[in-house]
Amino acid sequence: MRAIEGRPILEIPGENGIAARVVPVSPSDEAIQRSLTKLARSFPTSNDVKRGQSSDPNELAVALWIEVSEKAVLLGADLLRGPAGCGWQAVLAAFSPNVRASVFKVPHHGAPNAHHEDVWTRLLAESPIALVAPFRAGDVARPDQSDVERICCLTPNAYITAAAKMPKDSHTSRREASELGPLAQNVREPWGQVGHVRARSRLGKHQWDVKYSEPARKLVRSV
């Protein structure tokens, strides 16, 4: 089953209807069509010297809306703001839930091109629990300080699983580098240590219990 906006991928019946359901809110039909069109244009023809168009895989990110009892969670994946007919623009145009999500996995590591103000005002409860995963593989680590400031202005209940910057090399990696000597350069732990954030809530209760293990921590604005 392909994940497509508005088509439930899981529904668990209850005594008075559906007790729990998982519904993709993306990708949109437009996003899928754009991807297929670019894929078709990427096939070479005779004497073709042009490179095929590349598609941003984040346009096809699968954001999930999860409802259990009267609580909802929105997992934003890496979904971007647009372009038109795609991303959060398409979600907001087609999706209008009866309940607002109290937990939000912030999309695309908190990057500004995945932020849409209306997601926070129309799909999320006030001061939701916001969960962020860092990105360290590019030229700019995410979330950067401006991302942190933006997220913390929207909710005081934001958490991140690890620091956006790579940690210093551990004693183990420094020892290995010393033993390898000239045989290897740039010996390091590529991803660094990561933590874990867990949010739990009992059925029939509105409160969430959030616990985390280091280096996960609460996200705070700079002083």
N, C-alpha and C. Protein backbone atom coordinates (compact mmCIF):
# COMPACT_ATOMS: atom_id res chain seq x y z
N MET A 1 0.84 -1.19 0.00
CA MET A 1 0.00 0.00 0.00
C MET A 1 0.88 1.24 0.00
N ARG A 2 0.63 2.12 -0.94
CA ARG A 2 1.40 3.36 -1.01
C ARG A 2 0.81 4.40 -0.06
N ALA A 3 1.69 5.14 0.57
CA ALA A 3 1.25 6.21 1.45
C ALA A 3 0.90 7.42 0.60
N ILE A 4 -0.35 7.81 0.63
CA ILE A 4 -0.86 8.96 -0.13
C ILE A 4 -1.73 9.79 0.79
N GLU A 5 -1.71 11.08 0.62
CA GLU A 5 -2.45 11.97 1.51
C GLU A 5 -3.91 11.53 1.66
N GLY A 6 -4.37 11.47 2.89
CA GLY A 6 -5.78 11.22 3.16
C GLY A 6 -6.21 9.76 3.14
N ARG A 7 -5.31 8.83 2.81
CA ARG A 7 -5.69 7.42 2.78
C ARG A 7 -5.15 6.71 4.01
N PRO A 8 -6.03 6.29 4.92
CA PRO A 8 -5.56 5.64 6.16
C PRO A 8 -4.76 4.38 5.86
N ILE A 9 -3.68 4.19 6.60
CA ILE A 9 -2.89 2.97 6.46
C ILE A 9 -3.09 2.04 7.65
N LEU A 10 -3.78 2.53 8.68
CA LEU A 10 -4.10 1.69 9.83
C LEU A 10 -5.33 2.25 10.53
N GLU A 11 -6.30 1.38 10.79
CA GLU A 11 -7.47 1.76 11.56
C GLU A 11 -7.81 0.63 12.52
N ILE A 12 -7.88 0.94 13.80
CA ILE A 12 -8.20 -0.05 14.81
C ILE A 12 -9.59 0.26 15.36
N PRO A 13 -10.54 -0.64 15.18
CA PRO A 13 -11.91 -0.35 15.62
C PRO A 13 -12.03 -0.36 17.13
N GLY A 14 -12.96 0.45 17.63
CA GLY A 14 -13.27 0.50 19.05
C GLY A 14 -14.75 0.29 19.27
N GLU A 15 -15.19 0.44 20.50
CA GLU A 15 -16.59 0.21 20.82
C GLU A 15 -17.51 1.22 20.14
N ASN A 16 -17.04 2.45 20.00
CA ASN A 16 -17.87 3.51 19.43
C ASN A 16 -17.29 4.06 18.14
N GLY A 17 -16.70 3.20 17.33
CA GLY A 17 -16.12 3.64 16.07
C GLY A 17 -14.66 3.27 15.98
N ILE A 18 -13.85 4.19 15.46
CA ILE A 18 -12.42 3.95 15.29
C ILE A 18 -11.68 4.40 16.55
N ALA A 19 -10.98 3.46 17.19
CA ALA A 19 -10.25 3.78 18.42
C ALA A 19 -8.89 4.40 18.12
N ALA A 20 -8.28 4.01 17.01
CA ALA A 20 -6.97 4.55 16.64
C ALA A 20 -6.83 4.48 15.12
N ARG A 21 -6.13 5.45 14.58
CA ARG A 21 -5.88 5.44 13.14
C ARG A 21 -4.60 6.18 12.82
N VAL A 22 -3.99 5.78 11.72
CA VAL A 22 -2.79 6.43 11.20
C VAL A 22 -3.08 6.84 9.77
N VAL A 23 -2.96 8.13 9.49
CA VAL A 23 -3.29 8.66 8.16
C VAL A 23 -2.12 9.48 7.62
N PRO A 24 -1.59 9.14 6.46
CA PRO A 24 -0.59 10.02 5.84
C PRO A 24 -1.25 11.33 5.42
N VAL A 25 -0.59 12.43 5.68
CA VAL A 25 -1.07 13.71 5.18
C VAL A 25 -0.23 14.19 3.99
N SER A 26 0.74 13.40 3.64
CA SER A 26 1.57 13.65 2.45
C SER A 26 2.15 12.30 2.01
N PRO A 27 2.61 12.18 0.77
CA PRO A 27 2.71 13.21 -0.26
C PRO A 27 1.38 13.45 -0.97
N SER A 28 1.24 14.61 -1.56
CA SER A 28 0.04 14.97 -2.30
C SER A 28 0.07 14.37 -3.70
N ASP A 29 -1.07 14.39 -4.36
CA ASP A 29 -1.13 13.93 -5.76
C ASP A 29 -0.18 14.74 -6.63
N GLU A 30 -0.11 16.04 -6.36
CA GLU A 30 0.78 16.91 -7.14
C GLU A 30 2.23 16.52 -6.93
N ALA A 31 2.62 16.21 -5.70
CA ALA A 31 4.00 15.82 -5.43
C ALA A 31 4.34 14.52 -6.14
N ILE A 32 3.42 13.57 -6.13
CA ILE A 32 3.66 12.29 -6.81
C ILE A 32 3.77 12.50 -8.31
N GLN A 33 2.89 13.34 -8.87
CA GLN A 33 2.93 13.60 -10.31
C GLN A 33 4.22 14.29 -10.71
N ARG A 34 4.67 15.24 -9.90
CA ARG A 34 5.93 15.92 -10.19
C ARG A 34 7.08 14.92 -10.19
N SER A 35 7.07 14.01 -9.24
CA SER A 35 8.14 13.02 -9.16
C SER A 35 8.14 12.10 -10.37
N LEU A 36 6.96 11.63 -10.77
CA LEU A 36 6.86 10.74 -11.92
C LEU A 36 7.28 11.45 -13.22
N THR A 37 6.90 12.71 -13.33
CA THR A 37 7.27 13.47 -14.53
C THR A 37 8.78 13.64 -14.62
N LYS A 38 9.41 13.98 -13.50
CA LYS A 38 10.86 14.13 -13.50
C LYS A 38 11.57 12.80 -13.73
N LEU A 39 10.98 11.72 -13.21
CA LEU A 39 11.57 10.40 -13.43
C LEU A 39 11.52 10.04 -14.91
N ALA A 40 10.40 10.33 -15.57
CA ALA A 40 10.26 10.03 -17.00
C ALA A 40 11.25 10.84 -17.83
N ARG A 41 11.47 12.07 -17.43
CA ARG A 41 12.39 12.93 -18.18
C ARG A 41 13.85 12.57 -17.94
N SER A 42 14.11 11.78 -16.92
CA SER A 42 15.49 11.43 -16.60
C SER A 42 16.04 10.30 -17.46
N PHE A 43 15.14 9.57 -18.17
CA PHE A 43 15.61 8.48 -19.03
C PHE A 43 16.28 9.07 -20.27
N PRO A 44 17.51 8.66 -20.58
CA PRO A 44 18.22 9.23 -21.73
C PRO A 44 17.67 8.71 -23.05
N THR A 45 17.80 9.55 -24.05
CA THR A 45 17.47 9.14 -25.42
C THR A 45 18.74 9.25 -26.26
N SER A 46 18.68 8.78 -27.51
CA SER A 46 19.87 8.80 -28.36
C SER A 46 20.34 10.24 -28.57
N ASN A 47 21.64 10.42 -28.52
CA ASN A 47 22.27 11.72 -28.70
C ASN A 47 21.86 12.74 -27.63
N ASP A 48 21.36 12.25 -26.53
CA ASP A 48 20.93 13.14 -25.45
C ASP A 48 22.13 13.49 -24.58
N VAL A 49 22.46 14.77 -24.52
CA VAL A 49 23.62 15.19 -23.75
C VAL A 49 23.20 15.90 -22.46
N LYS A 50 21.89 16.02 -22.23
CA LYS A 50 21.40 16.70 -21.04
C LYS A 50 21.24 15.71 -19.90
N ARG A 51 21.49 16.20 -18.73
CA ARG A 51 21.26 15.37 -17.55
C ARG A 51 19.78 15.41 -17.18
N GLY A 52 19.29 14.31 -16.67
CA GLY A 52 17.90 14.26 -16.26
C GLY A 52 17.63 15.15 -15.06
N GLN A 53 16.39 15.58 -14.94
CA GLN A 53 16.01 16.41 -13.81
C GLN A 53 16.01 15.60 -12.53
N SER A 54 16.58 16.14 -11.51
CA SER A 54 16.57 15.46 -10.22
C SER A 54 15.40 15.97 -9.39
N SER A 55 14.81 15.08 -8.65
CA SER A 55 13.66 15.43 -7.82
C SER A 55 14.11 15.47 -6.36
N ASP A 56 13.65 16.46 -5.63
CA ASP A 56 13.97 16.55 -4.21
C ASP A 56 13.18 15.47 -3.50
N PRO A 57 13.85 14.48 -2.90
CA PRO A 57 13.13 13.40 -2.24
C PRO A 57 12.25 13.87 -1.09
N ASN A 58 12.56 15.04 -0.54
CA ASN A 58 11.75 15.54 0.57
C ASN A 58 10.34 15.95 0.13
N GLU A 59 10.15 16.19 -1.18
CA GLU A 59 8.81 16.47 -1.68
C GLU A 59 7.89 15.26 -1.49
N LEU A 60 8.49 14.07 -1.40
CA LEU A 60 7.71 12.84 -1.25
C LEU A 60 7.73 12.32 0.18
N ALA A 61 8.19 13.13 1.12
CA ALA A 61 8.24 12.70 2.51
C ALA A 61 6.84 12.35 3.01
N VAL A 62 6.76 11.30 3.81
CA VAL A 62 5.48 10.82 4.33
C VAL A 62 5.30 11.35 5.75
N ALA A 63 4.51 12.41 5.88
CA ALA A 63 4.14 12.92 7.20
C ALA A 63 2.90 12.17 7.67
N LEU A 64 2.87 11.80 8.94
CA LEU A 64 1.80 10.95 9.46
C LEU A 64 1.01 11.65 10.56
N TRP A 65 -0.32 11.50 10.48
CA TRP A 65 -1.22 11.97 11.52
C TRP A 65 -1.72 10.73 12.27
N ILE A 66 -1.48 10.71 13.58
CA ILE A 66 -1.84 9.55 14.40
C ILE A 66 -2.84 9.99 15.45
N GLU A 67 -4.00 9.32 15.49
CA GLU A 67 -5.01 9.60 16.50
C GLU A 67 -5.25 8.35 17.34
N VAL A 68 -5.22 8.52 18.65
CA VAL A 68 -5.56 7.45 19.58
C VAL A 68 -6.47 8.06 20.65
N SER A 69 -7.67 7.49 20.79
CA SER A 69 -8.65 8.08 21.68
C SER A 69 -8.89 9.51 21.23
N GLU A 70 -8.69 10.50 22.10
CA GLU A 70 -8.90 11.89 21.71
C GLU A 70 -7.59 12.66 21.63
N LYS A 71 -6.49 11.94 21.51
CA LYS A 71 -5.18 12.57 21.37
C LYS A 71 -4.65 12.36 19.96
N ALA A 72 -3.83 13.32 19.51
CA ALA A 72 -3.25 13.22 18.17
C ALA A 72 -1.78 13.57 18.21
N VAL A 73 -1.03 12.95 17.31
CA VAL A 73 0.40 13.18 17.14
C VAL A 73 0.65 13.44 15.66
N LEU A 74 1.47 14.42 15.35
CA LEU A 74 1.83 14.72 13.97
C LEU A 74 3.33 14.49 13.79
N LEU A 75 3.68 13.51 12.95
CA LEU A 75 5.08 13.21 12.64
C LEU A 75 5.42 13.87 11.31
N GLY A 76 6.21 14.93 11.37
CA GLY A 76 6.42 15.77 10.20
C GLY A 76 7.44 15.27 9.20
N ALA A 77 8.15 14.17 9.50
CA ALA A 77 9.15 13.61 8.58
C ALA A 77 10.11 14.72 8.13
N ASP A 78 10.43 14.75 6.83
CA ASP A 78 11.27 15.80 6.26
C ASP A 78 10.47 16.67 5.28
N LEU A 79 9.18 16.74 5.50
CA LEU A 79 8.30 17.45 4.56
C LEU A 79 8.62 18.94 4.52
N LEU A 80 8.74 19.47 3.31
CA LEU A 80 9.07 20.88 3.12
C LEU A 80 7.81 21.73 3.04
N ARG A 81 7.99 23.03 3.02
CA ARG A 81 6.86 23.96 2.97
C ARG A 81 6.12 23.89 1.64
N GLY A 82 6.82 23.73 0.54
CA GLY A 82 6.22 23.72 -0.80
C GLY A 82 7.05 22.86 -1.71
N PRO A 83 6.92 23.07 -3.03
CA PRO A 83 6.26 24.14 -3.78
C PRO A 83 4.74 24.03 -3.79
N ALA A 84 4.09 24.87 -4.60
CA ALA A 84 2.64 24.92 -4.65
C ALA A 84 2.07 23.54 -4.95
N GLY A 85 1.06 23.16 -4.18
CA GLY A 85 0.45 21.85 -4.37
C GLY A 85 1.18 20.72 -3.69
N CYS A 86 2.29 21.04 -3.03
CA CYS A 86 3.10 20.02 -2.37
C CYS A 86 3.38 20.46 -0.93
N GLY A 87 4.01 19.57 -0.19
CA GLY A 87 4.47 19.90 1.14
C GLY A 87 3.35 20.35 2.07
N TRP A 88 3.73 21.21 3.02
CA TRP A 88 2.77 21.67 4.01
C TRP A 88 1.69 22.55 3.41
N GLN A 89 1.98 23.18 2.28
CA GLN A 89 0.94 23.95 1.60
C GLN A 89 -0.21 23.03 1.19
N ALA A 90 0.13 21.87 0.66
CA ALA A 90 -0.90 20.91 0.26
C ALA A 90 -1.61 20.31 1.46
N VAL A 91 -0.86 20.03 2.53
CA VAL A 91 -1.47 19.47 3.73
C VAL A 91 -2.53 20.41 4.28
N LEU A 92 -2.18 21.67 4.40
CA LEU A 92 -3.10 22.65 4.97
C LEU A 92 -4.31 22.90 4.08
N ALA A 93 -4.15 22.71 2.78
CA ALA A 93 -5.26 22.90 1.86
C ALA A 93 -6.25 21.74 1.89
N ALA A 94 -5.77 20.54 2.25
CA ALA A 94 -6.63 19.35 2.14
C ALA A 94 -7.00 18.72 3.48
N PHE A 95 -6.30 19.08 4.55
CA PHE A 95 -6.47 18.35 5.80
C PHE A 95 -6.97 19.28 6.89
N SER A 96 -8.07 18.92 7.52
CA SER A 96 -8.64 19.73 8.59
C SER A 96 -9.16 18.80 9.68
N PRO A 97 -8.33 18.42 10.65
CA PRO A 97 -8.73 17.46 11.67
C PRO A 97 -9.67 18.06 12.72
N ASN A 98 -10.37 17.18 13.40
CA ASN A 98 -11.27 17.62 14.47
C ASN A 98 -10.54 17.89 15.78
N VAL A 99 -9.35 17.32 15.92
CA VAL A 99 -8.56 17.48 17.13
C VAL A 99 -7.17 17.96 16.72
N ARG A 100 -6.52 18.71 17.59
CA ARG A 100 -5.20 19.21 17.28
C ARG A 100 -4.14 18.34 17.95
N ALA A 101 -3.02 18.22 17.27
CA ALA A 101 -1.94 17.35 17.77
C ALA A 101 -1.22 18.00 18.95
N SER A 102 -0.97 17.20 19.97
CA SER A 102 -0.25 17.70 21.14
C SER A 102 1.22 17.30 21.13
N VAL A 103 1.61 16.46 20.18
CA VAL A 103 3.03 16.09 19.99
C VAL A 103 3.36 16.28 18.52
N PHE A 104 4.50 16.88 18.24
CA PHE A 104 4.88 17.22 16.87
C PHE A 104 6.34 16.88 16.66
N LYS A 105 6.59 15.96 15.72
CA LYS A 105 7.97 15.73 15.29
C LYS A 105 8.28 16.82 14.27
N VAL A 106 9.12 17.75 14.63
CA VAL A 106 9.42 18.91 13.78
C VAL A 106 10.08 18.44 12.49
N PRO A 107 9.57 18.88 11.33
CA PRO A 107 10.10 18.37 10.06
C PRO A 107 11.49 18.90 9.71
N HIS A 108 12.22 18.07 9.02
CA HIS A 108 13.49 18.45 8.38
C HIS A 108 14.46 19.12 9.34
N HIS A 109 14.56 18.57 10.56
CA HIS A 109 15.56 19.00 11.54
C HIS A 109 15.39 20.47 11.96
N GLY A 110 14.17 21.00 11.77
CA GLY A 110 13.92 22.39 12.15
C GLY A 110 14.33 23.41 11.11
N ALA A 111 14.67 22.99 9.91
CA ALA A 111 15.12 23.91 8.86
C ALA A 111 14.00 24.86 8.46
N PRO A 112 14.33 26.10 8.08
CA PRO A 112 13.30 27.09 7.74
C PRO A 112 12.48 26.72 6.51
N ASN A 113 13.05 25.96 5.57
CA ASN A 113 12.28 25.61 4.37
C ASN A 113 11.22 24.54 4.64
N ALA A 114 11.17 24.04 5.88
CA ALA A 114 10.12 23.08 6.25
C ALA A 114 9.14 23.69 7.26
N HIS A 115 9.33 24.97 7.57
CA HIS A 115 8.48 25.63 8.56
C HIS A 115 7.30 26.32 7.87
N HIS A 116 6.10 26.09 8.40
CA HIS A 116 4.90 26.80 7.94
C HIS A 116 4.14 27.23 9.18
N GLU A 117 3.96 28.51 9.34
CA GLU A 117 3.32 29.05 10.54
C GLU A 117 1.94 28.47 10.78
N ASP A 118 1.18 28.23 9.69
CA ASP A 118 -0.19 27.73 9.84
C ASP A 118 -0.24 26.30 10.37
N VAL A 119 0.82 25.55 10.22
CA VAL A 119 0.85 24.22 10.83
C VAL A 119 0.71 24.34 12.34
N TRP A 120 1.39 25.31 12.91
CA TRP A 120 1.36 25.50 14.36
C TRP A 120 0.02 26.06 14.84
N THR A 121 -0.61 26.89 14.03
CA THR A 121 -1.87 27.51 14.46
C THR A 121 -3.10 26.68 14.13
N ARG A 122 -3.02 25.83 13.11
CA ARG A 122 -4.21 25.10 12.66
C ARG A 122 -4.18 23.61 12.97
N LEU A 123 -2.99 23.02 13.07
CA LEU A 123 -2.90 21.57 13.28
C LEU A 123 -2.41 21.18 14.67
N LEU A 124 -1.78 22.09 15.37
CA LEU A 124 -1.16 21.76 16.65
C LEU A 124 -1.87 22.45 17.81
N ALA A 125 -1.87 21.77 18.95
CA ALA A 125 -2.40 22.36 20.17
C ALA A 125 -1.45 23.46 20.65
N GLU A 126 -1.92 24.24 21.59
CA GLU A 126 -1.07 25.29 22.14
C GLU A 126 0.08 24.67 22.94
N SER A 127 1.27 25.19 22.70
CA SER A 127 2.48 24.71 23.38
C SER A 127 2.63 23.20 23.29
N PRO A 128 2.67 22.64 22.07
CA PRO A 128 2.80 21.19 21.95
C PRO A 128 4.20 20.72 22.33
N ILE A 129 4.33 19.43 22.54
CA ILE A 129 5.65 18.82 22.70
C ILE A 129 6.27 18.72 21.32
N ALA A 130 7.39 19.37 21.10
CA ALA A 130 8.06 19.38 19.80
C ALA A 130 9.36 18.58 19.89
N LEU A 131 9.53 17.65 18.99
CA LEU A 131 10.69 16.76 19.00
C LEU A 131 11.54 17.03 17.76
N VAL A 132 12.83 17.22 17.97
CA VAL A 132 13.74 17.58 16.89
C VAL A 132 14.89 16.59 16.82
N ALA A 133 15.23 16.16 15.61
CA ALA A 133 16.42 15.34 15.37
C ALA A 133 17.45 16.21 14.65
N PRO A 134 18.71 16.21 15.06
CA PRO A 134 19.71 17.08 14.43
C PRO A 134 20.19 16.53 13.09
N PHE A 135 20.77 17.42 12.30
CA PHE A 135 21.38 17.05 11.01
C PHE A 135 22.81 17.58 11.01
N ARG A 136 23.78 16.69 10.78
CA ARG A 136 25.19 17.07 10.87
C ARG A 136 25.98 16.86 9.60
N ALA A 137 25.35 16.37 8.53
CA ALA A 137 26.10 15.94 7.36
C ALA A 137 26.32 17.05 6.33
N GLY A 138 25.66 18.19 6.47
CA GLY A 138 25.78 19.24 5.47
C GLY A 138 26.73 20.34 5.91
N ASP A 139 26.78 21.40 5.09
CA ASP A 139 27.63 22.54 5.41
C ASP A 139 27.08 23.31 6.61
N VAL A 140 25.75 23.29 6.77
CA VAL A 140 25.11 23.96 7.89
C VAL A 140 24.43 22.92 8.76
N ALA A 141 24.81 22.85 10.02
CA ALA A 141 24.17 21.92 10.94
C ALA A 141 22.78 22.43 11.29
N ARG A 142 21.86 21.50 11.45
CA ARG A 142 20.49 21.85 11.83
C ARG A 142 20.09 21.09 13.09
N PRO A 143 19.33 21.79 13.95
CA PRO A 143 18.89 23.19 13.83
C PRO A 143 20.02 24.15 14.18
N ASP A 144 20.09 25.29 13.46
CA ASP A 144 21.05 26.31 13.86
C ASP A 144 20.38 27.20 14.91
N GLN A 145 21.07 28.23 15.35
CA GLN A 145 20.55 29.03 16.45
C GLN A 145 19.25 29.73 16.09
N SER A 146 19.12 30.17 14.84
CA SER A 146 17.87 30.82 14.44
C SER A 146 16.72 29.83 14.42
N ASP A 147 16.99 28.58 14.06
CA ASP A 147 15.96 27.54 14.11
C ASP A 147 15.51 27.30 15.55
N VAL A 148 16.48 27.23 16.45
CA VAL A 148 16.18 27.00 17.87
C VAL A 148 15.33 28.15 18.41
N GLU A 149 15.70 29.37 18.07
CA GLU A 149 14.94 30.54 18.54
C GLU A 149 13.50 30.47 18.04
N ARG A 150 13.33 30.12 16.78
CA ARG A 150 11.98 30.06 16.19
C ARG A 150 11.14 29.00 16.88
N ILE A 151 11.69 27.81 17.06
CA ILE A 151 10.94 26.71 17.67
C ILE A 151 10.58 27.04 19.12
N CYS A 152 11.54 27.59 19.85
CA CYS A 152 11.30 27.89 21.26
C CYS A 152 10.32 29.05 21.45
N CYS A 153 10.19 29.91 20.44
CA CYS A 153 9.17 30.97 20.50
C CYS A 153 7.77 30.39 20.29
N LEU A 154 7.69 29.23 19.67
CA LEU A 154 6.39 28.62 19.39
C LEU A 154 5.94 27.67 20.47
N THR A 155 6.88 27.10 21.23
CA THR A 155 6.53 26.19 22.32
C THR A 155 7.65 26.13 23.34
N PRO A 156 7.32 26.09 24.61
CA PRO A 156 8.36 25.91 25.64
C PRO A 156 8.69 24.44 25.87
N ASN A 157 8.03 23.56 25.13
CA ASN A 157 8.18 22.12 25.35
C ASN A 157 8.87 21.45 24.16
N ALA A 158 10.04 21.94 23.81
CA ALA A 158 10.80 21.40 22.68
C ALA A 158 11.99 20.60 23.19
N TYR A 159 12.29 19.50 22.50
CA TYR A 159 13.38 18.61 22.88
C TYR A 159 14.17 18.21 21.64
N ILE A 160 15.45 17.94 21.82
CA ILE A 160 16.31 17.51 20.72
C ILE A 160 17.09 16.28 21.18
N THR A 161 17.30 15.33 20.26
CA THR A 161 17.92 14.06 20.63
C THR A 161 19.43 14.15 20.80
N ALA A 162 20.06 15.19 20.26
CA ALA A 162 21.51 15.38 20.41
C ALA A 162 21.84 16.78 19.93
N ALA A 163 23.01 17.24 20.25
CA ALA A 163 23.44 18.55 19.79
C ALA A 163 23.62 18.55 18.28
N ALA A 164 23.38 19.70 17.66
CA ALA A 164 23.52 19.78 16.22
C ALA A 164 24.98 19.68 15.78
N LYS A 165 25.88 20.15 16.61
CA LYS A 165 27.31 20.08 16.27
C LYS A 165 27.89 18.74 16.69
N MET A 166 28.84 18.26 15.91
CA MET A 166 29.50 17.01 16.24
C MET A 166 30.25 17.14 17.56
N PRO A 167 30.17 16.14 18.42
CA PRO A 167 30.92 16.19 19.68
C PRO A 167 32.40 15.96 19.44
N LYS A 168 33.20 16.27 20.45
CA LYS A 168 34.63 16.02 20.34
C LYS A 168 34.90 14.52 20.29
N ASP A 169 36.01 14.17 19.66
CA ASP A 169 36.36 12.75 19.55
C ASP A 169 36.50 12.13 20.94
N SER A 170 36.03 10.91 21.05
CA SER A 170 36.12 10.19 22.31
C SER A 170 37.54 9.67 22.53
N HIS A 171 37.78 9.22 23.74
CA HIS A 171 39.09 8.64 24.06
C HIS A 171 39.37 7.43 23.17
N THR A 172 38.33 6.65 22.87
CA THR A 172 38.51 5.45 22.04
C THR A 172 38.96 5.81 20.64
N SER A 173 38.31 6.81 20.02
CA SER A 173 38.67 7.17 18.66
C SER A 173 40.06 7.80 18.61
N ARG A 174 40.43 8.58 19.61
CA ARG A 174 41.78 9.16 19.64
C ARG A 174 42.84 8.08 19.79
N ARG A 175 42.55 7.05 20.59
CA ARG A 175 43.49 5.95 20.76
C ARG A 175 43.66 5.17 19.45
N GLU A 176 42.54 4.94 18.76
CA GLU A 176 42.61 4.22 17.48
C GLU A 176 43.41 5.01 16.46
N ALA A 177 43.20 6.33 16.42
CA ALA A 177 43.95 7.17 15.49
C ALA A 177 45.45 7.10 15.78
N SER A 178 45.79 7.07 17.06
CA SER A 178 47.21 7.00 17.44
C SER A 178 47.82 5.67 17.01
N GLU A 179 47.07 4.58 17.18
CA GLU A 179 47.60 3.27 16.83
C GLU A 179 47.71 3.09 15.32
N LEU A 180 46.82 3.69 14.56
CA LEU A 180 46.88 3.57 13.10
C LEU A 180 48.00 4.40 12.51
N GLY A 181 48.33 5.50 13.17
CA GLY A 181 49.44 6.33 12.70
C GLY A 181 49.20 6.82 11.29
N PRO A 182 50.21 6.66 10.38
CA PRO A 182 50.08 7.17 9.01
C PRO A 182 49.18 6.31 8.12
N LEU A 183 48.68 5.19 8.63
CA LEU A 183 47.83 4.32 7.81
C LEU A 183 46.46 4.92 7.53
N ALA A 184 46.02 5.83 8.37
CA ALA A 184 44.68 6.39 8.18
C ALA A 184 44.67 7.84 8.61
N GLN A 185 43.85 8.63 7.96
CA GLN A 185 43.69 10.03 8.30
C GLN A 185 42.24 10.30 8.68
N ASN A 186 42.03 11.32 9.46
CA ASN A 186 40.69 11.75 9.86
C ASN A 186 39.90 10.61 10.51
N VAL A 187 40.52 9.94 11.45
CA VAL A 187 39.84 8.87 12.19
C VAL A 187 38.85 9.51 13.15
N ARG A 188 37.59 9.14 13.03
CA ARG A 188 36.57 9.78 13.86
C ARG A 188 35.33 8.90 13.96
N GLU A 189 34.49 9.25 14.89
CA GLU A 189 33.18 8.63 14.99
C GLU A 189 32.22 9.46 14.14
N PRO A 190 31.72 8.93 13.02
CA PRO A 190 31.04 9.77 12.03
C PRO A 190 29.76 10.41 12.52
N TRP A 191 29.04 9.78 13.43
CA TRP A 191 27.74 10.33 13.81
C TRP A 191 27.72 10.88 15.23
N GLY A 192 28.63 10.47 16.05
CA GLY A 192 28.60 10.93 17.42
C GLY A 192 27.50 10.26 18.21
N GLN A 193 27.52 10.47 19.48
CA GLN A 193 26.53 9.85 20.36
C GLN A 193 25.18 10.54 20.20
N VAL A 194 24.13 9.75 20.23
CA VAL A 194 22.77 10.30 20.15
C VAL A 194 21.97 9.82 21.36
N GLY A 195 20.98 10.59 21.71
CA GLY A 195 20.14 10.26 22.84
C GLY A 195 18.78 9.78 22.39
N HIS A 196 17.83 9.86 23.32
CA HIS A 196 16.49 9.33 23.06
C HIS A 196 15.49 10.17 23.83
N VAL A 197 14.42 10.56 23.16
CA VAL A 197 13.34 11.29 23.80
C VAL A 197 12.07 10.44 23.71
N ARG A 198 11.41 10.26 24.84
CA ARG A 198 10.20 9.44 24.88
C ARG A 198 9.05 10.25 25.48
N ALA A 199 7.94 10.29 24.76
CA ALA A 199 6.74 10.97 25.24
C ALA A 199 5.63 9.93 25.36
N ARG A 200 5.05 9.81 26.57
CA ARG A 200 4.00 8.83 26.82
C ARG A 200 2.80 9.51 27.47
N SER A 201 1.61 8.98 27.14
CA SER A 201 0.38 9.50 27.74
C SER A 201 -0.63 8.37 27.86
N ARG A 202 -1.30 8.30 28.97
CA ARG A 202 -2.30 7.25 29.18
C ARG A 202 -3.59 7.59 28.45
N LEU A 203 -4.30 6.54 28.03
CA LEU A 203 -5.59 6.74 27.39
C LEU A 203 -6.53 7.45 28.34
N GLY A 204 -7.25 8.41 27.82
CA GLY A 204 -8.18 9.16 28.64
C GLY A 204 -7.56 10.31 29.39
N LYS A 205 -6.23 10.46 29.32
CA LYS A 205 -5.53 11.55 29.99
C LYS A 205 -4.97 12.51 28.93
N HIS A 206 -4.88 13.77 29.30
CA HIS A 206 -4.34 14.77 28.38
C HIS A 206 -2.86 15.05 28.62
N GLN A 207 -2.37 14.71 29.81
CA GLN A 207 -0.98 15.01 30.13
C GLN A 207 -0.03 14.04 29.41
N TRP A 208 1.15 14.56 29.08
CA TRP A 208 2.22 13.75 28.50
C TRP A 208 3.39 13.72 29.47
N ASP A 209 4.00 12.56 29.58
CA ASP A 209 5.19 12.38 30.39
C ASP A 209 6.39 12.26 29.45
N VAL A 210 7.28 13.21 29.51
CA VAL A 210 8.44 13.24 28.61
C VAL A 210 9.70 12.92 29.40
N LYS A 211 10.44 11.93 28.94
CA LYS A 211 11.72 11.58 29.53
C LYS A 211 12.76 11.47 28.42
N TYR A 212 14.00 11.74 28.76
CA TYR A 212 15.05 11.67 27.74
C TYR A 212 16.34 11.19 28.36
N SER A 213 17.18 10.61 27.51
CA SER A 213 18.49 10.15 27.92
C SER A 213 19.55 10.98 27.20
N GLU A 214 20.60 11.35 27.90
CA GLU A 214 21.66 12.19 27.33
C GLU A 214 22.33 11.48 26.14
N PRO A 215 22.75 12.28 25.15
CA PRO A 215 22.82 13.74 25.14
C PRO A 215 21.53 14.45 24.70
N ALA A 216 20.43 13.74 24.63
CA ALA A 216 19.15 14.41 24.39
C ALA A 216 18.90 15.42 25.51
N ARG A 217 18.22 16.48 25.19
CA ARG A 217 17.99 17.52 26.19
C ARG A 217 16.82 18.39 25.76
N LYS A 218 16.39 19.24 26.67
CA LYS A 218 15.37 20.21 26.34
C LYS A 218 15.99 21.31 25.50
N LEU A 219 15.25 21.76 24.50
CA LEU A 219 15.74 22.81 23.63
C LEU A 219 15.42 24.17 24.27
N VAL A 220 16.43 25.00 24.41
CA VAL A 220 16.25 26.30 25.06
C VAL A 220 16.86 27.40 24.21
N ARG A 221 16.29 28.58 24.34
CA ARG A 221 16.81 29.75 23.64
C ARG A 221 18.11 30.20 24.28
N SER A 222 18.94 30.90 23.48
CA SER A 222 20.19 31.44 24.02
C SER A 222 19.86 32.59 24.96
N VAL A 223 20.67 32.75 25.98
CA VAL A 223 20.47 33.80 26.98
C VAL A 223 21.18 35.07 26.54
